[in-house]
Each structure stands twice: as structure tokens, then as C-alpha cells.
């Protein structure tokens, strides 16, 4: 749900505003995705405990300890990805997306209601330039393995970014 306002207002009030916005809609049983700014313990507790919903959060350096723990764990992962998607070539590039999931960190991470932690790796090959870029992201979800397979966690991740990209595209052109 995009929110209007100045960039400064969005940055200073986004965390406070998120709960107020979610109060206005029925999210019970739904999955709330958020970018790294909203990867906050208070919001995670609110979503799960007060609203009976799930979260799917990206971890970055605004949550340094969480990010470092995920990065350190997944740097030492030598098993095959739990799920891989090969997108059809489009816009002169081909993308392969892999996801690794674990429940091993659930009791170790200082983050409420973590049921699975994940690593997503995107490999984009530009056919014209011949260059391949690699982007890695880490995150946590409150959905257990019973509720979300690797394919479903990856779908939640991709759905979030399709919404993000759509909103930014619209904002850039207005």
C-alpha cells in the first residue's frame, strides 16, 4: 500500500505509520511483506500476536545483528538450493533465482516468531553485454515449513518486489 507524503515524512514516520495503516484493514491469515526499513521486532510482534497474520521481511544493515547472523550462516551453506526458478528471457536478459531455507536459526535469532530464515540469490545474465550480475538478499518469515514451501517463500519475495517496482515506476513518472 503506497503512502503519499514527502520523502522526509516517509523516512521518519514509515515505521510508526505501518501499524496505523494495518489497523485499517483485515490482515488475518495474510502475509505482510516489507522492505528492510520495516524489518522491526515491534512490527513482527504486532503482525503475528495482535493481528493473527504472517510476515515476510528482508534483512539489511538497519538490523545489523540479524543481517550478520543470516549472512554468516548462509555463507557456510553447501547444500543445493531448496528451489530454483529460471525466468524466460526478457528485455535482453535471463534471470535465475535460487532460495535456501533453514529452521536451524529460529531459536538463535533475536527476532520474534521466526519460523524460517532464507537466502535469495539472483543471477542476471545480460545477453547483449555477456555480463552476469549476482545479487543476494536475506530474510525471515513467520510462516512455518507446514505453511510455506521454498517455492511459496520465494513467491512471497518476488511478489513484494513486483509491488515495490511498480510503485517506484509510477512515482518516477508523476
N, C-alpha and C. Protein backbone atom coordinates (compact mmCIF):
# COMPACT_ATOMS: atom_id res chain seq x y z
N UNK A 1 0.85 -1.16 0.00
CA UNK A 1 0.00 0.00 0.00
C UNK A 1 0.90 1.23 0.00
N UNK A 2 1.03 1.93 -1.11
CA UNK A 2 1.86 3.12 -1.18
C UNK A 2 1.28 4.24 -0.32
N UNK A 3 2.15 5.02 0.28
CA UNK A 3 1.73 6.13 1.13
C UNK A 3 2.26 7.42 0.55
N UNK A 4 1.37 8.42 0.42
CA UNK A 4 1.79 9.73 -0.09
C UNK A 4 2.46 10.52 1.01
N UNK A 5 3.29 11.47 0.62
CA UNK A 5 3.97 12.34 1.57
C UNK A 5 5.37 12.64 1.09
N UNK A 6 6.02 13.55 1.78
CA UNK A 6 7.38 13.90 1.39
C UNK A 6 8.33 12.75 1.72
N UNK A 7 9.49 12.74 1.06
CA UNK A 7 10.48 11.70 1.34
C UNK A 7 10.89 11.72 2.81
N UNK A 8 11.04 12.92 3.37
CA UNK A 8 11.43 13.04 4.77
C UNK A 8 10.35 12.47 5.68
N UNK A 9 9.08 12.78 5.39
CA UNK A 9 7.99 12.24 6.20
C UNK A 9 7.97 10.72 6.13
N UNK A 10 8.16 10.19 4.92
CA UNK A 10 8.14 8.74 4.77
C UNK A 10 9.24 8.08 5.58
N UNK A 11 10.44 8.65 5.56
CA UNK A 11 11.56 8.05 6.27
C UNK A 11 11.40 8.14 7.78
N UNK A 12 10.88 9.24 8.28
CA UNK A 12 10.78 9.40 9.73
C UNK A 12 9.53 8.76 10.30
N UNK A 13 8.50 8.61 9.52
CA UNK A 13 7.23 8.12 10.04
C UNK A 13 6.81 6.75 9.51
N UNK A 14 7.58 6.17 8.60
CA UNK A 14 7.15 4.93 7.98
C UNK A 14 6.93 3.82 9.00
N UNK A 15 7.82 3.69 9.95
CA UNK A 15 7.68 2.63 10.95
C UNK A 15 6.44 2.87 11.81
N UNK A 16 6.24 4.11 12.27
CA UNK A 16 5.07 4.44 13.09
C UNK A 16 3.78 4.30 12.29
N UNK A 17 3.83 4.69 11.04
CA UNK A 17 2.64 4.69 10.20
C UNK A 17 2.20 3.28 9.81
N UNK A 18 3.14 2.35 9.71
CA UNK A 18 2.81 1.00 9.25
C UNK A 18 1.72 0.36 10.11
N UNK A 19 1.87 0.45 11.42
CA UNK A 19 0.88 -0.17 12.31
C UNK A 19 -0.47 0.52 12.17
N UNK A 20 -0.48 1.84 12.08
CA UNK A 20 -1.74 2.58 11.90
C UNK A 20 -2.44 2.17 10.61
N UNK A 21 -1.67 2.01 9.55
CA UNK A 21 -2.26 1.60 8.27
C UNK A 21 -2.81 0.18 8.34
N UNK A 22 -2.05 -0.72 8.97
CA UNK A 22 -2.50 -2.10 9.07
C UNK A 22 -3.73 -2.23 9.96
N UNK A 23 -3.89 -1.32 10.91
CA UNK A 23 -5.09 -1.33 11.77
C UNK A 23 -6.37 -1.13 10.96
N UNK A 24 -6.24 -0.50 9.81
CA UNK A 24 -7.41 -0.15 8.99
C UNK A 24 -7.89 -1.28 8.08
N UNK A 25 -7.13 -2.35 7.98
CA UNK A 25 -7.50 -3.42 7.05
C UNK A 25 -7.46 -4.77 7.75
N UNK A 26 -8.22 -5.71 7.22
CA UNK A 26 -8.24 -7.07 7.76
C UNK A 26 -7.06 -7.83 7.18
N UNK A 27 -6.08 -8.14 8.02
CA UNK A 27 -4.90 -8.88 7.55
C UNK A 27 -4.84 -10.29 8.12
N UNK A 28 -5.84 -10.68 8.88
CA UNK A 28 -5.85 -12.00 9.50
C UNK A 28 -5.62 -13.09 8.45
N UNK A 29 -4.62 -13.94 8.71
CA UNK A 29 -4.31 -15.03 7.79
C UNK A 29 -3.50 -14.62 6.57
N UNK A 30 -3.21 -13.35 6.43
CA UNK A 30 -2.46 -12.84 5.27
C UNK A 30 -0.97 -12.78 5.60
N UNK A 31 -0.16 -12.59 4.56
CA UNK A 31 1.27 -12.39 4.72
C UNK A 31 1.61 -10.95 4.39
N UNK A 32 2.24 -10.28 5.33
CA UNK A 32 2.64 -8.89 5.15
C UNK A 32 4.12 -8.89 4.77
N UNK A 33 4.43 -8.35 3.61
CA UNK A 33 5.83 -8.23 3.19
C UNK A 33 6.27 -6.80 3.41
N UNK A 34 7.55 -6.65 3.70
CA UNK A 34 8.08 -5.30 3.93
C UNK A 34 9.54 -5.24 3.55
N UNK A 35 9.96 -4.05 3.13
CA UNK A 35 11.38 -3.88 2.84
C UNK A 35 12.14 -3.75 4.16
N UNK A 36 13.44 -3.57 4.06
CA UNK A 36 14.31 -3.64 5.24
C UNK A 36 13.98 -2.61 6.31
N UNK A 37 13.52 -1.43 5.92
CA UNK A 37 13.22 -0.39 6.91
C UNK A 37 12.18 -0.87 7.92
N UNK A 38 11.23 -1.67 7.46
CA UNK A 38 10.16 -2.15 8.35
C UNK A 38 10.46 -3.51 8.97
N UNK A 39 11.65 -4.02 8.80
CA UNK A 39 12.04 -5.26 9.46
C UNK A 39 12.36 -4.90 10.91
N UNK A 40 11.29 -4.84 11.70
CA UNK A 40 11.38 -4.38 13.09
C UNK A 40 10.67 -5.38 14.00
N UNK A 41 11.24 -5.61 15.17
CA UNK A 41 10.66 -6.55 16.12
C UNK A 41 9.25 -6.15 16.54
N UNK A 42 9.04 -4.87 16.78
CA UNK A 42 7.72 -4.39 17.20
C UNK A 42 6.67 -4.71 16.14
N UNK A 43 6.99 -4.48 14.89
CA UNK A 43 6.05 -4.76 13.80
C UNK A 43 5.82 -6.26 13.66
N UNK A 44 6.86 -7.06 13.81
CA UNK A 44 6.72 -8.52 13.72
C UNK A 44 5.77 -9.03 14.81
N UNK A 45 5.97 -8.56 16.04
CA UNK A 45 5.09 -8.98 17.14
C UNK A 45 3.64 -8.55 16.88
N UNK A 46 3.47 -7.32 16.43
CA UNK A 46 2.14 -6.80 16.14
C UNK A 46 1.43 -7.66 15.09
N UNK A 47 2.11 -7.95 14.00
CA UNK A 47 1.51 -8.72 12.90
C UNK A 47 1.08 -10.10 13.37
N UNK A 48 1.95 -10.80 14.09
CA UNK A 48 1.66 -12.18 14.50
C UNK A 48 0.75 -12.23 15.72
N UNK A 49 1.08 -11.49 16.76
CA UNK A 49 0.36 -11.61 18.03
C UNK A 49 -0.97 -10.88 18.06
N UNK A 50 -1.01 -9.69 17.49
CA UNK A 50 -2.23 -8.89 17.58
C UNK A 50 -3.14 -9.05 16.37
N UNK A 51 -2.59 -9.41 15.22
CA UNK A 51 -3.40 -9.43 14.01
C UNK A 51 -3.54 -10.82 13.40
N UNK A 52 -2.93 -11.84 14.00
CA UNK A 52 -3.06 -13.22 13.53
C UNK A 52 -2.69 -13.34 12.04
N UNK A 53 -1.58 -12.72 11.67
CA UNK A 53 -1.11 -12.75 10.29
C UNK A 53 0.35 -13.21 10.29
N UNK A 54 0.98 -13.19 9.14
CA UNK A 54 2.38 -13.58 8.99
C UNK A 54 3.17 -12.45 8.38
N UNK A 55 4.48 -12.49 8.61
CA UNK A 55 5.36 -11.51 7.98
C UNK A 55 6.39 -12.19 7.10
N UNK A 56 6.89 -11.45 6.14
CA UNK A 56 7.99 -11.85 5.25
C UNK A 56 8.86 -10.60 5.13
N UNK A 57 9.99 -10.59 5.85
CA UNK A 57 10.83 -9.40 5.95
C UNK A 57 12.21 -9.63 5.34
N UNK A 58 12.73 -8.59 4.73
CA UNK A 58 14.09 -8.58 4.22
C UNK A 58 15.00 -8.02 5.30
N UNK A 59 16.16 -8.62 5.48
CA UNK A 59 17.13 -8.14 6.48
C UNK A 59 18.29 -7.45 5.77
N UNK A 60 18.57 -6.24 6.22
CA UNK A 60 19.73 -5.50 5.72
C UNK A 60 20.44 -4.88 6.92
N UNK A 61 21.33 -3.95 6.65
CA UNK A 61 22.17 -3.40 7.72
C UNK A 61 21.44 -2.53 8.74
N UNK A 62 20.17 -2.20 8.53
CA UNK A 62 19.45 -1.49 9.59
C UNK A 62 19.19 -2.42 10.78
N UNK A 63 19.26 -3.72 10.54
CA UNK A 63 19.20 -4.73 11.60
C UNK A 63 20.52 -5.50 11.51
N UNK A 64 21.60 -4.84 11.92
CA UNK A 64 22.96 -5.36 11.69
C UNK A 64 23.18 -6.76 12.24
N UNK A 65 22.75 -6.99 13.47
CA UNK A 65 23.00 -8.30 14.08
C UNK A 65 22.23 -9.39 13.33
N UNK A 66 20.97 -9.15 13.05
CA UNK A 66 20.16 -10.11 12.30
C UNK A 66 20.79 -10.38 10.94
N UNK A 67 21.14 -9.32 10.23
CA UNK A 67 21.74 -9.46 8.90
C UNK A 67 23.03 -10.27 8.97
N UNK A 68 23.90 -9.94 9.92
CA UNK A 68 25.19 -10.62 10.04
C UNK A 68 25.01 -12.09 10.37
N UNK A 69 24.06 -12.40 11.25
CA UNK A 69 23.82 -13.81 11.59
C UNK A 69 23.32 -14.59 10.38
N UNK A 70 22.43 -14.00 9.60
CA UNK A 70 21.94 -14.67 8.40
C UNK A 70 23.06 -14.84 7.38
N UNK A 71 23.80 -13.77 7.15
CA UNK A 71 24.90 -13.82 6.18
C UNK A 71 25.94 -14.87 6.58
N UNK A 72 26.33 -14.88 7.84
CA UNK A 72 27.34 -15.84 8.31
C UNK A 72 26.85 -17.27 8.15
N UNK A 73 25.61 -17.52 8.53
CA UNK A 73 25.07 -18.88 8.40
C UNK A 73 25.05 -19.31 6.94
N UNK A 74 24.47 -18.49 6.08
CA UNK A 74 24.28 -18.90 4.69
C UNK A 74 25.57 -18.88 3.88
N UNK A 75 26.61 -18.16 4.32
CA UNK A 75 27.91 -18.22 3.64
C UNK A 75 28.49 -19.62 3.74
N UNK A 76 28.11 -20.34 4.77
CA UNK A 76 28.65 -21.68 5.01
C UNK A 76 27.69 -22.79 4.61
N UNK A 77 26.71 -22.46 3.80
CA UNK A 77 25.74 -23.45 3.33
C UNK A 77 26.28 -24.09 2.05
N UNK A 78 26.35 -25.40 2.08
CA UNK A 78 26.87 -26.10 0.92
C UNK A 78 25.85 -27.06 0.31
N UNK A 79 24.60 -26.93 0.72
CA UNK A 79 23.59 -27.79 0.12
C UNK A 79 22.98 -27.09 -1.08
N UNK A 80 22.35 -27.88 -1.91
CA UNK A 80 21.68 -27.34 -3.10
C UNK A 80 20.52 -26.45 -2.66
N UNK A 81 20.16 -25.48 -3.50
CA UNK A 81 19.03 -24.62 -3.16
C UNK A 81 17.76 -25.44 -2.96
N UNK A 82 16.88 -24.96 -2.09
CA UNK A 82 15.61 -25.64 -1.88
C UNK A 82 14.68 -25.50 -3.08
N UNK A 83 14.89 -24.44 -3.86
CA UNK A 83 14.03 -24.19 -5.03
C UNK A 83 14.77 -23.25 -5.98
N UNK A 84 14.60 -23.47 -7.27
CA UNK A 84 15.22 -22.63 -8.29
C UNK A 84 14.19 -22.28 -9.35
N UNK A 85 14.21 -21.03 -9.79
CA UNK A 85 13.33 -20.57 -10.87
C UNK A 85 14.20 -20.03 -11.99
N UNK A 86 13.91 -20.48 -13.20
CA UNK A 86 14.59 -19.96 -14.39
C UNK A 86 13.56 -19.15 -15.17
N UNK A 87 13.69 -17.84 -15.11
CA UNK A 87 12.75 -16.99 -15.84
C UNK A 87 13.02 -17.06 -17.34
N UNK A 88 11.96 -16.86 -18.11
CA UNK A 88 12.11 -16.79 -19.55
C UNK A 88 12.89 -15.53 -19.90
N UNK A 89 13.76 -15.62 -20.90
CA UNK A 89 14.50 -14.41 -21.29
C UNK A 89 13.55 -13.27 -21.64
N UNK A 90 13.87 -12.08 -21.13
CA UNK A 90 13.08 -10.88 -21.41
C UNK A 90 13.98 -9.66 -21.27
N UNK A 91 13.70 -8.65 -22.05
CA UNK A 91 14.46 -7.40 -22.00
C UNK A 91 15.96 -7.64 -22.18
N UNK A 92 16.31 -8.64 -22.98
CA UNK A 92 17.71 -8.90 -23.26
C UNK A 92 18.47 -9.56 -22.13
N UNK A 93 17.75 -10.10 -21.15
CA UNK A 93 18.44 -10.76 -20.05
C UNK A 93 17.69 -12.02 -19.62
N UNK A 94 18.43 -12.88 -18.99
CA UNK A 94 17.87 -14.11 -18.44
C UNK A 94 18.20 -14.12 -16.95
N UNK A 95 17.22 -14.49 -16.14
CA UNK A 95 17.42 -14.48 -14.69
C UNK A 95 17.17 -15.85 -14.09
N UNK A 96 18.05 -16.25 -13.19
CA UNK A 96 17.88 -17.46 -12.41
C UNK A 96 17.82 -17.04 -10.94
N UNK A 97 16.81 -17.52 -10.24
CA UNK A 97 16.63 -17.16 -8.83
C UNK A 97 16.62 -18.45 -8.01
N UNK A 98 17.45 -18.44 -6.96
CA UNK A 98 17.55 -19.61 -6.08
C UNK A 98 17.21 -19.18 -4.66
N UNK A 99 16.64 -20.11 -3.90
CA UNK A 99 16.35 -19.83 -2.50
C UNK A 99 16.82 -21.00 -1.63
N UNK A 100 17.41 -20.64 -0.50
CA UNK A 100 17.80 -21.58 0.53
C UNK A 100 17.01 -21.22 1.78
N UNK A 101 16.47 -22.22 2.44
CA UNK A 101 15.69 -22.01 3.68
C UNK A 101 16.29 -22.83 4.81
N UNK A 102 16.12 -22.31 6.02
CA UNK A 102 16.53 -23.08 7.19
C UNK A 102 15.61 -22.77 8.37
N UNK A 103 15.48 -23.77 9.23
CA UNK A 103 14.80 -23.56 10.52
C UNK A 103 15.83 -23.63 11.65
N UNK A 104 17.08 -23.88 11.31
CA UNK A 104 18.14 -24.04 12.32
C UNK A 104 18.39 -22.77 13.13
N UNK A 105 18.04 -21.62 12.59
CA UNK A 105 18.33 -20.36 13.28
C UNK A 105 17.16 -19.85 14.12
N UNK A 106 16.02 -20.50 14.06
CA UNK A 106 14.81 -19.98 14.69
C UNK A 106 14.99 -19.62 16.16
N UNK A 107 15.58 -20.49 16.94
CA UNK A 107 15.75 -20.21 18.37
C UNK A 107 16.96 -19.33 18.65
N UNK A 108 17.84 -19.22 17.68
CA UNK A 108 19.07 -18.44 17.87
C UNK A 108 18.88 -16.96 17.54
N UNK A 109 18.08 -16.65 16.55
CA UNK A 109 17.90 -15.26 16.12
C UNK A 109 17.09 -14.48 17.15
N UNK A 110 17.50 -13.28 17.42
CA UNK A 110 16.77 -12.41 18.35
C UNK A 110 15.73 -11.62 17.55
N UNK A 111 14.74 -12.36 17.06
CA UNK A 111 13.67 -11.75 16.28
C UNK A 111 12.41 -12.57 16.53
N UNK A 112 11.29 -11.92 16.85
CA UNK A 112 10.10 -12.66 17.26
C UNK A 112 9.45 -13.46 16.13
N UNK A 113 9.02 -14.65 16.50
CA UNK A 113 8.18 -15.51 15.65
C UNK A 113 8.85 -15.97 14.36
N UNK A 114 10.17 -16.02 14.31
CA UNK A 114 10.84 -16.52 13.11
C UNK A 114 10.54 -18.01 12.99
N UNK A 115 10.02 -18.42 11.84
CA UNK A 115 9.76 -19.83 11.58
C UNK A 115 10.73 -20.37 10.52
N UNK A 116 11.21 -19.49 9.64
CA UNK A 116 12.20 -19.86 8.64
C UNK A 116 13.05 -18.63 8.30
N UNK A 117 14.32 -18.87 8.07
CA UNK A 117 15.21 -17.83 7.57
C UNK A 117 15.57 -18.23 6.14
N UNK A 118 15.86 -17.22 5.31
CA UNK A 118 16.13 -17.55 3.91
C UNK A 118 17.22 -16.68 3.29
N UNK A 119 17.78 -17.23 2.23
CA UNK A 119 18.72 -16.52 1.37
C UNK A 119 18.18 -16.63 -0.05
N UNK A 120 18.10 -15.50 -0.74
CA UNK A 120 17.68 -15.49 -2.14
C UNK A 120 18.85 -14.98 -2.96
N UNK A 121 19.19 -15.72 -4.00
CA UNK A 121 20.27 -15.33 -4.91
C UNK A 121 19.70 -15.15 -6.30
N UNK A 122 19.96 -13.98 -6.88
CA UNK A 122 19.52 -13.69 -8.24
C UNK A 122 20.74 -13.58 -9.14
N UNK A 123 20.74 -14.36 -10.20
CA UNK A 123 21.78 -14.27 -11.22
C UNK A 123 21.13 -13.75 -12.49
N UNK A 124 21.57 -12.58 -12.94
CA UNK A 124 21.03 -11.98 -14.16
C UNK A 124 22.11 -11.97 -15.22
N UNK A 125 21.80 -12.59 -16.34
CA UNK A 125 22.75 -12.62 -17.45
C UNK A 125 22.23 -11.70 -18.56
N UNK A 126 23.02 -10.68 -18.87
CA UNK A 126 22.69 -9.76 -19.96
C UNK A 126 23.24 -10.35 -21.24
N UNK A 127 22.36 -10.73 -22.14
CA UNK A 127 22.79 -11.40 -23.37
C UNK A 127 23.60 -10.48 -24.27
N UNK A 128 23.29 -9.20 -24.24
CA UNK A 128 23.99 -8.26 -25.11
C UNK A 128 25.43 -8.02 -24.65
N UNK A 129 25.59 -7.74 -23.36
CA UNK A 129 26.93 -7.44 -22.84
C UNK A 129 27.70 -8.70 -22.45
N UNK A 130 26.96 -9.79 -22.22
CA UNK A 130 27.60 -11.03 -21.78
C UNK A 130 27.92 -11.05 -20.29
N UNK A 131 27.57 -9.99 -19.58
CA UNK A 131 27.88 -9.90 -18.15
C UNK A 131 26.78 -10.55 -17.31
N UNK A 132 27.22 -11.16 -16.22
CA UNK A 132 26.30 -11.75 -15.26
C UNK A 132 26.47 -11.02 -13.93
N UNK A 133 25.36 -10.58 -13.35
CA UNK A 133 25.41 -9.95 -12.03
C UNK A 133 24.75 -10.87 -11.01
N UNK A 134 25.26 -10.80 -9.80
CA UNK A 134 24.75 -11.64 -8.70
C UNK A 134 24.31 -10.73 -7.57
N UNK A 135 23.07 -10.91 -7.13
CA UNK A 135 22.52 -10.15 -6.01
C UNK A 135 22.02 -11.15 -4.97
N UNK A 136 22.40 -10.94 -3.72
CA UNK A 136 21.99 -11.82 -2.63
C UNK A 136 21.19 -11.02 -1.61
N UNK A 137 20.10 -11.61 -1.14
CA UNK A 137 19.28 -10.98 -0.10
C UNK A 137 18.97 -12.03 0.96
N UNK A 138 18.82 -11.56 2.19
CA UNK A 138 18.50 -12.43 3.31
C UNK A 138 17.19 -11.98 3.94
N UNK A 139 16.52 -12.90 4.61
CA UNK A 139 15.28 -12.51 5.25
C UNK A 139 14.76 -13.55 6.21
N UNK A 140 13.64 -13.20 6.82
CA UNK A 140 12.97 -14.07 7.79
C UNK A 140 11.47 -14.04 7.52
N UNK A 141 10.83 -15.15 7.84
CA UNK A 141 9.38 -15.23 7.71
C UNK A 141 8.81 -15.94 8.93
N UNK A 142 7.60 -15.58 9.28
CA UNK A 142 6.92 -16.25 10.39
C UNK A 142 6.16 -17.49 9.92
N UNK A 143 6.18 -17.75 8.63
CA UNK A 143 5.50 -18.94 8.10
C UNK A 143 6.37 -20.17 8.31
N UNK A 144 5.78 -21.18 8.92
CA UNK A 144 6.49 -22.44 9.15
C UNK A 144 6.58 -23.24 7.85
N UNK A 145 7.38 -24.30 7.88
CA UNK A 145 7.50 -25.17 6.71
C UNK A 145 6.16 -25.79 6.33
N UNK A 146 5.30 -26.01 7.32
CA UNK A 146 3.97 -26.55 7.04
C UNK A 146 3.11 -25.57 6.25
N UNK A 147 3.34 -24.28 6.46
CA UNK A 147 2.54 -23.25 5.80
C UNK A 147 3.16 -22.72 4.51
N UNK A 148 4.48 -22.87 4.37
CA UNK A 148 5.14 -22.28 3.20
C UNK A 148 6.33 -23.12 2.75
N UNK A 149 6.22 -23.66 1.57
CA UNK A 149 7.34 -24.36 0.96
C UNK A 149 8.36 -23.33 0.48
N UNK A 150 9.49 -23.81 0.01
CA UNK A 150 10.51 -22.91 -0.54
C UNK A 150 9.95 -22.12 -1.72
N UNK A 151 9.17 -22.78 -2.56
CA UNK A 151 8.57 -22.10 -3.72
C UNK A 151 7.63 -20.98 -3.26
N UNK A 152 6.88 -21.22 -2.18
CA UNK A 152 5.95 -20.20 -1.68
C UNK A 152 6.68 -19.03 -1.03
N UNK A 153 7.76 -19.31 -0.30
CA UNK A 153 8.54 -18.23 0.30
C UNK A 153 9.17 -17.38 -0.80
N UNK A 154 9.67 -18.03 -1.84
CA UNK A 154 10.23 -17.29 -2.97
C UNK A 154 9.15 -16.48 -3.68
N UNK A 155 7.97 -17.04 -3.81
CA UNK A 155 6.86 -16.31 -4.44
C UNK A 155 6.50 -15.07 -3.61
N UNK A 156 6.49 -15.18 -2.29
CA UNK A 156 6.24 -14.01 -1.43
C UNK A 156 7.30 -12.95 -1.67
N UNK A 157 8.54 -13.39 -1.78
CA UNK A 157 9.64 -12.46 -2.01
C UNK A 157 9.50 -11.75 -3.35
N UNK A 158 9.19 -12.49 -4.37
CA UNK A 158 9.05 -11.91 -5.71
C UNK A 158 7.82 -11.01 -5.79
N UNK A 159 6.75 -11.40 -5.12
CA UNK A 159 5.54 -10.58 -5.10
C UNK A 159 5.82 -9.23 -4.48
N UNK A 160 6.58 -9.24 -3.38
CA UNK A 160 6.92 -7.97 -2.72
C UNK A 160 7.66 -7.05 -3.69
N UNK A 161 8.64 -7.60 -4.39
CA UNK A 161 9.45 -6.75 -5.27
C UNK A 161 8.68 -6.33 -6.51
N UNK A 162 7.71 -7.10 -6.95
CA UNK A 162 6.90 -6.65 -8.10
C UNK A 162 6.06 -5.44 -7.69
N UNK A 163 5.58 -5.44 -6.44
CA UNK A 163 4.82 -4.29 -5.93
C UNK A 163 5.75 -3.09 -5.76
N UNK A 164 6.92 -3.32 -5.14
CA UNK A 164 7.90 -2.23 -4.95
C UNK A 164 8.25 -1.58 -6.28
N UNK A 165 8.58 -2.41 -7.26
CA UNK A 165 9.00 -1.87 -8.56
C UNK A 165 7.87 -1.12 -9.24
N UNK A 166 6.67 -1.62 -9.13
CA UNK A 166 5.51 -0.95 -9.72
C UNK A 166 5.30 0.43 -9.10
N UNK A 167 5.37 0.50 -7.79
CA UNK A 167 5.17 1.78 -7.09
C UNK A 167 6.26 2.77 -7.44
N UNK A 168 7.50 2.31 -7.46
CA UNK A 168 8.60 3.22 -7.78
C UNK A 168 8.50 3.70 -9.22
N UNK A 169 8.09 2.82 -10.10
CA UNK A 169 7.94 3.21 -11.50
C UNK A 169 6.90 4.32 -11.62
N UNK A 170 5.78 4.14 -10.96
CA UNK A 170 4.71 5.15 -11.02
C UNK A 170 5.19 6.46 -10.40
N UNK A 171 5.84 6.38 -9.26
CA UNK A 171 6.32 7.60 -8.61
C UNK A 171 7.34 8.34 -9.48
N UNK A 172 8.18 7.59 -10.18
CA UNK A 172 9.20 8.22 -11.01
C UNK A 172 8.60 8.97 -12.19
N UNK A 173 7.42 8.59 -12.61
CA UNK A 173 6.83 9.22 -13.80
C UNK A 173 5.81 10.29 -13.48
N UNK A 174 5.45 10.49 -12.24
CA UNK A 174 4.47 11.53 -11.87
C UNK A 174 5.13 12.84 -11.57
